Amino acid sequence: MRQEGRRPWEIKSFCIAKRYRGSGHASQLMAYIEQVCRVRQIRKLGIIYKTIWPDHEKWEHLLEKSNWHNVKTDLHYVVIKNVQKFKQSMVIHCNLNTLDYKLALLSPEKIKALSIQISSESWGTDVPRDVHPAQYIERLYSPSSLLLTYKDEVVGWIVLHRLHASLIQVTGLFIREKYRKNNFSIALVAEATRRIDSDNKVHFVIKPDNKPMLDFYHKYLRNYSHIYERRIRLKTIKGIEN
């Protein structure tokens, strides 16, 4: 267990060896964790997990049986099933370098400059934290992270990160509201994925309250992907005196 800042204490790792599963050891361990919480006066406990994990149904059954009923979806993972086919389907949308619309690669230095511009512009307040470009700069996948401008005005961006050797994550996709009727989001995705080597795996991350990205998923991504969730469960530990 671990606590970070003001967040509730969290179970960071929980595992029962395969040969001991199904014999009640997981329930016993969960009960022992709650006992430790009572001794240490930990009133709230959290756990984060993903539905992409093997046997996650058994894990959720254990949590329900242990009265972890407070659950919410924290993040959607949209995993592209076949990157090559997805790239082929996007080809017709790769047409951004036309007229006065210009593309530029986003380097760490350009992201820092863009962040300063976002904080100084009135439209910057419309940028949600989960799509802000200045996230995880140390993992930036520069070949596909792009800034779109129109007559030197920022239209939007797409930011990708390399999570490990063969996995690319589309972390931030943002188009300013006044440009959202022009299909720039799909064009940015098309151009960004065109630049990814086909031997990489690709997934998108989408917050449940990010309606534009959820609409984008249903319109353009659903037929080429599987969707999974990152879920958070919280539990109030009973038996602790005030």
Protein backbone atom coordinates (compact mmCIF):
# COMPACT_ATOMS: atom_id res chain seq x y z
CA MET A 1 0.00 0.00 0.00
CA ARG A 2 1.09 3.56 -0.63
CA GLN A 3 -0.21 7.11 -0.24
CA GLU A 4 0.58 9.93 -2.67
CA GLY A 5 -0.16 13.50 -1.59
CA ARG A 6 -3.72 13.94 -0.34
CA ARG A 7 -5.10 11.00 -2.30
CA PRO A 8 -6.46 8.01 -0.36
CA TRP A 9 -4.14 5.17 0.48
CA GLU A 10 -3.90 2.83 -2.48
CA ILE A 11 -3.22 -0.86 -3.00
CA LYS A 12 -0.41 -0.71 -5.57
CA SER A 13 0.10 -4.43 -6.10
CA PHE A 14 -1.94 -7.53 -5.30
CA CYS A 15 -1.06 -11.03 -6.51
CA ILE A 16 -1.71 -14.66 -5.58
CA ALA A 17 0.48 -17.32 -7.18
CA LYS A 18 -1.48 -19.37 -9.72
CA ARG A 19 -1.21 -22.66 -7.85
CA TYR A 20 -2.86 -21.07 -4.77
CA ARG A 21 -5.74 -19.36 -6.57
CA GLY A 22 -9.30 -20.46 -5.96
CA SER A 23 -8.60 -21.61 -2.42
CA GLY A 24 -9.59 -18.46 -0.50
CA HIS A 25 -6.12 -16.93 -0.13
CA ALA A 26 -7.09 -13.75 -2.01
CA SER A 27 -10.05 -13.12 0.31
CA GLN A 28 -7.83 -13.77 3.34
CA LEU A 29 -5.21 -11.32 2.07
CA MET A 30 -7.87 -8.68 1.40
CA ALA A 31 -9.23 -9.14 4.93
CA TYR A 32 -5.70 -8.80 6.34
CA ILE A 33 -5.19 -5.55 4.39
CA GLU A 34 -8.35 -4.13 5.98
CA GLN A 35 -7.11 -5.23 9.39
CA VAL A 36 -3.84 -3.34 8.82
CA CYS A 37 -5.88 -0.26 7.81
CA ARG A 38 -7.79 -0.38 11.08
CA VAL A 39 -4.58 -0.61 13.09
CA ARG A 40 -3.04 2.30 11.17
CA GLN A 41 -6.27 4.37 11.21
CA ILE A 42 -6.54 4.40 7.39
CA ARG A 43 -10.20 5.22 6.75
CA LYS A 44 -10.25 5.19 2.95
CA LEU A 45 -8.50 2.79 0.62
CA GLY A 46 -8.35 2.82 -3.17
CA ILE A 47 -7.32 0.52 -5.97
CA ILE A 48 -6.79 1.13 -9.70
CA TYR A 49 -6.92 -1.61 -12.33
CA LYS A 50 -7.54 -2.14 -16.05
CA THR A 51 -10.08 -4.33 -17.79
CA ILE A 52 -7.41 -5.28 -20.35
CA TRP A 53 -5.68 -7.36 -17.68
CA PRO A 54 -6.00 -11.16 -17.94
CA ASP A 55 -8.65 -12.56 -15.58
CA HIS A 56 -9.91 -9.10 -14.67
CA GLU A 57 -13.41 -10.59 -14.27
CA LYS A 58 -12.12 -12.76 -11.40
CA TRP A 59 -10.43 -9.71 -9.89
CA GLU A 60 -13.69 -7.73 -10.02
CA HIS A 61 -15.54 -10.68 -8.49
CA LEU A 62 -13.09 -10.63 -5.57
CA LEU A 63 -13.57 -6.88 -5.11
CA GLU A 64 -17.37 -7.19 -5.15
CA LYS A 65 -17.21 -10.08 -2.69
CA SER A 66 -14.99 -7.93 -0.46
CA ASN A 67 -17.54 -5.05 -0.58
CA TRP A 68 -15.60 -2.73 -2.90
CA HIS A 69 -18.80 -1.42 -4.49
CA ASN A 70 -17.77 2.22 -5.11
CA VAL A 71 -16.46 1.98 -8.70
CA LYS A 72 -15.99 4.48 -11.52
CA THR A 73 -14.32 4.49 -14.92
CA ASP A 74 -11.29 6.78 -14.82
CA LEU A 75 -9.95 6.32 -18.37
CA HIS A 76 -10.75 4.59 -21.66
CA TYR A 77 -8.02 2.77 -23.60
CA VAL A 78 -8.82 2.43 -27.30
CA VAL A 79 -6.47 -0.21 -28.71
CA ILE A 80 -6.10 -0.29 -32.50
CA LYS A 81 -6.51 -3.92 -33.64
CA ASN A 82 -4.56 -3.69 -36.90
CA VAL A 83 -2.36 -0.61 -37.28
CA GLN A 84 -1.73 -1.17 -40.99
CA LYS A 85 -5.43 -1.40 -41.87
CA PHE A 86 -6.18 1.60 -39.69
CA LYS A 87 -3.48 3.62 -41.45
CA GLN A 88 -4.90 2.62 -44.84
CA SER A 89 -8.36 3.77 -43.80
CA MET A 90 -6.93 7.15 -42.79
CA VAL A 91 -5.08 7.87 -46.07
CA ILE A 92 -7.87 9.97 -47.60
CA HIS A 93 -7.71 12.34 -44.63
CA CYS A 94 -3.97 13.16 -44.92
CA ASN A 95 -4.36 16.53 -46.62
CA LEU A 96 -3.44 19.16 -44.04
CA ASN A 97 -0.50 20.88 -45.75
CA THR A 98 -2.75 22.86 -48.09
CA LEU A 99 -3.61 26.54 -48.47
CA ASP A 100 -2.75 28.40 -45.27
CA TYR A 101 -2.92 25.40 -42.92
CA LYS A 102 0.53 24.29 -41.85
CA LEU A 103 1.89 21.32 -39.91
CA ALA A 104 4.99 21.36 -37.72
CA LEU A 105 6.63 18.65 -35.67
CA LEU A 106 6.38 19.17 -31.91
CA SER A 107 9.75 18.92 -30.21
CA PRO A 108 10.14 19.35 -26.43
CA GLU A 109 11.30 22.93 -27.04
CA LYS A 110 8.26 23.73 -29.20
CA ILE A 111 5.96 22.19 -26.61
CA LYS A 112 7.41 24.47 -23.95
CA ALA A 113 6.81 27.49 -26.21
CA LEU A 114 3.27 26.26 -26.99
CA SER A 115 2.55 25.84 -23.27
CA ILE A 116 3.53 29.46 -22.65
CA GLN A 117 1.24 30.54 -25.49
CA ILE A 118 -1.65 28.45 -24.12
CA SER A 119 -1.32 30.07 -20.69
CA SER A 120 -1.32 33.58 -22.21
CA GLU A 121 -4.19 33.18 -24.72
CA SER A 122 -7.89 33.51 -23.79
CA TRP A 123 -8.70 30.17 -25.45
CA GLY A 124 -6.08 28.46 -23.28
CA THR A 125 -8.61 28.05 -20.49
CA ASP A 126 -10.55 25.67 -22.76
CA VAL A 127 -7.67 23.16 -22.89
CA PRO A 128 -8.40 20.18 -20.57
CA ARG A 129 -5.49 18.90 -18.50
CA ASP A 130 -5.68 15.44 -20.05
CA VAL A 131 -4.93 16.77 -23.57
CA HIS A 132 -2.42 19.47 -22.61
CA PRO A 133 0.74 19.05 -24.74
CA ALA A 134 3.19 19.39 -21.85
CA GLN A 135 2.64 15.89 -20.44
CA TYR A 136 5.37 13.25 -20.15
CA ILE A 137 7.75 15.23 -22.37
CA GLU A 138 10.50 12.73 -21.61
CA ARG A 139 8.46 10.09 -23.50
CA LEU A 140 7.42 12.31 -26.41
CA TYR A 141 7.18 10.50 -29.74
CA SER A 142 8.36 13.40 -31.90
CA PRO A 143 7.92 11.85 -35.38
CA SER A 144 4.11 11.90 -34.99
CA SER A 145 3.48 14.75 -32.54
CA LEU A 146 2.16 17.63 -34.62
CA LEU A 147 1.08 21.25 -34.31
CA LEU A 148 -1.50 22.61 -36.77
CA THR A 149 -1.64 26.36 -37.48
CA TYR A 150 -3.62 28.65 -39.77
CA LYS A 151 -1.95 31.93 -40.76
CA ASP A 152 0.30 31.61 -37.68
CA GLU A 153 -2.69 30.99 -35.38
CA VAL A 154 -2.84 27.76 -33.40
CA VAL A 155 -5.61 25.45 -34.59
CA GLY A 156 -4.74 22.37 -32.52
CA TRP A 157 -2.28 19.56 -31.91
CA ILE A 158 -1.80 15.86 -31.47
CA VAL A 159 0.76 14.53 -28.99
CA LEU A 160 1.98 10.93 -28.88
CA HIS A 161 4.22 9.13 -26.39
CA ARG A 162 6.29 5.99 -26.61
CA LEU A 163 5.42 3.90 -23.57
CA HIS A 164 7.87 1.13 -24.42
CA ALA A 165 9.75 -0.25 -27.41
CA SER A 166 6.69 -1.23 -29.46
CA LEU A 167 3.79 0.74 -27.93
CA ILE A 168 2.77 4.26 -28.97
CA GLN A 169 0.09 6.13 -27.04
CA VAL A 170 -2.04 8.96 -28.48
CA THR A 171 -2.24 11.03 -25.32
CA GLY A 172 -3.44 14.47 -26.40
CA LEU A 173 -5.63 15.54 -29.32
CA PHE A 174 -7.06 19.05 -29.22
CA ILE A 175 -8.75 21.34 -31.75
CA ARG A 176 -9.84 24.84 -30.77
CA GLU A 177 -13.61 25.13 -30.69
CA LYS A 178 -13.95 27.57 -33.59
CA TYR A 179 -12.16 25.09 -35.88
CA ARG A 180 -13.98 21.91 -34.82
CA LYS A 181 -16.42 21.81 -37.74
CA ASN A 182 -13.56 21.42 -40.25
CA ASN A 183 -12.64 17.77 -39.48
CA PHE A 184 -9.12 18.74 -38.44
CA SER A 185 -9.11 16.12 -35.67
CA ILE A 186 -9.39 13.18 -38.07
CA ALA A 187 -6.86 14.79 -40.41
CA LEU A 188 -4.36 15.16 -37.53
CA VAL A 189 -4.88 11.55 -36.47
CA ALA A 190 -4.48 10.40 -40.06
CA GLU A 191 -1.22 12.28 -40.52
CA ALA A 192 0.16 11.24 -37.13
CA THR A 193 -0.59 7.53 -37.62
CA ARG A 194 0.81 7.65 -41.16
CA ARG A 195 4.18 8.47 -39.60
CA ILE A 196 4.13 5.52 -37.16
CA ASP A 197 5.96 2.34 -38.14
CA SER A 198 3.42 -0.43 -38.66
CA ASP A 199 5.25 -2.82 -36.30
CA ASN A 200 4.26 -0.59 -33.37
CA LYS A 201 1.10 -1.10 -31.36
CA VAL A 202 -1.07 1.99 -30.94
CA HIS A 203 -3.69 2.99 -28.42
CA PHE A 204 -5.60 6.16 -27.56
CA VAL A 205 -6.43 7.31 -24.03
CA ILE A 206 -9.72 9.13 -23.48
CA LYS A 207 -11.17 10.57 -20.30
CA PRO A 208 -14.86 9.64 -19.73
CA ASP A 209 -15.85 13.34 -19.59
CA ASN A 210 -14.05 14.24 -22.84
CA LYS A 211 -17.12 14.33 -25.08
CA PRO A 212 -15.34 15.47 -28.29
CA MET A 213 -12.92 12.54 -28.06
CA LEU A 214 -15.66 10.05 -27.23
CA ASP A 215 -17.61 11.29 -30.27
CA PHE A 216 -14.42 10.93 -32.31
CA TYR A 217 -14.06 7.33 -31.10
CA HIS A 218 -17.61 6.40 -32.09
CA LYS A 219 -17.30 8.04 -35.50
CA TYR A 220 -13.78 7.04 -36.58
CA LEU A 221 -12.12 4.53 -34.24
CA ARG A 222 -14.76 2.02 -33.14
CA ASN A 223 -14.55 -0.22 -36.22
CA TYR A 224 -10.78 -0.57 -35.90
CA SER A 225 -10.32 -1.00 -32.17
CA HIS A 226 -11.07 -2.69 -28.88
CA ILE A 227 -11.95 -0.46 -25.93
CA TYR A 228 -10.91 -1.14 -22.33
CA GLU A 229 -11.22 0.81 -19.11
CA ARG A 230 -9.09 1.89 -16.21
CA ARG A 231 -11.30 1.69 -13.15
CA ILE A 232 -10.98 3.08 -9.65
CA ARG A 233 -12.60 1.53 -6.62
CA LEU A 234 -12.74 3.14 -3.21
CA LYS A 235 -13.64 1.60 0.10
CA THR A 236 -14.37 3.10 3.51
CA ILE A 237 -12.83 0.87 6.16
CA LYS A 238 -15.33 0.09 8.89
CA GLY A 239 -14.50 -0.29 12.57
CA ILE A 240 -12.27 2.77 12.97
CA GLU A 241 -13.10 5.07 15.86
CA ASN A 242 -13.18 8.83 15.24
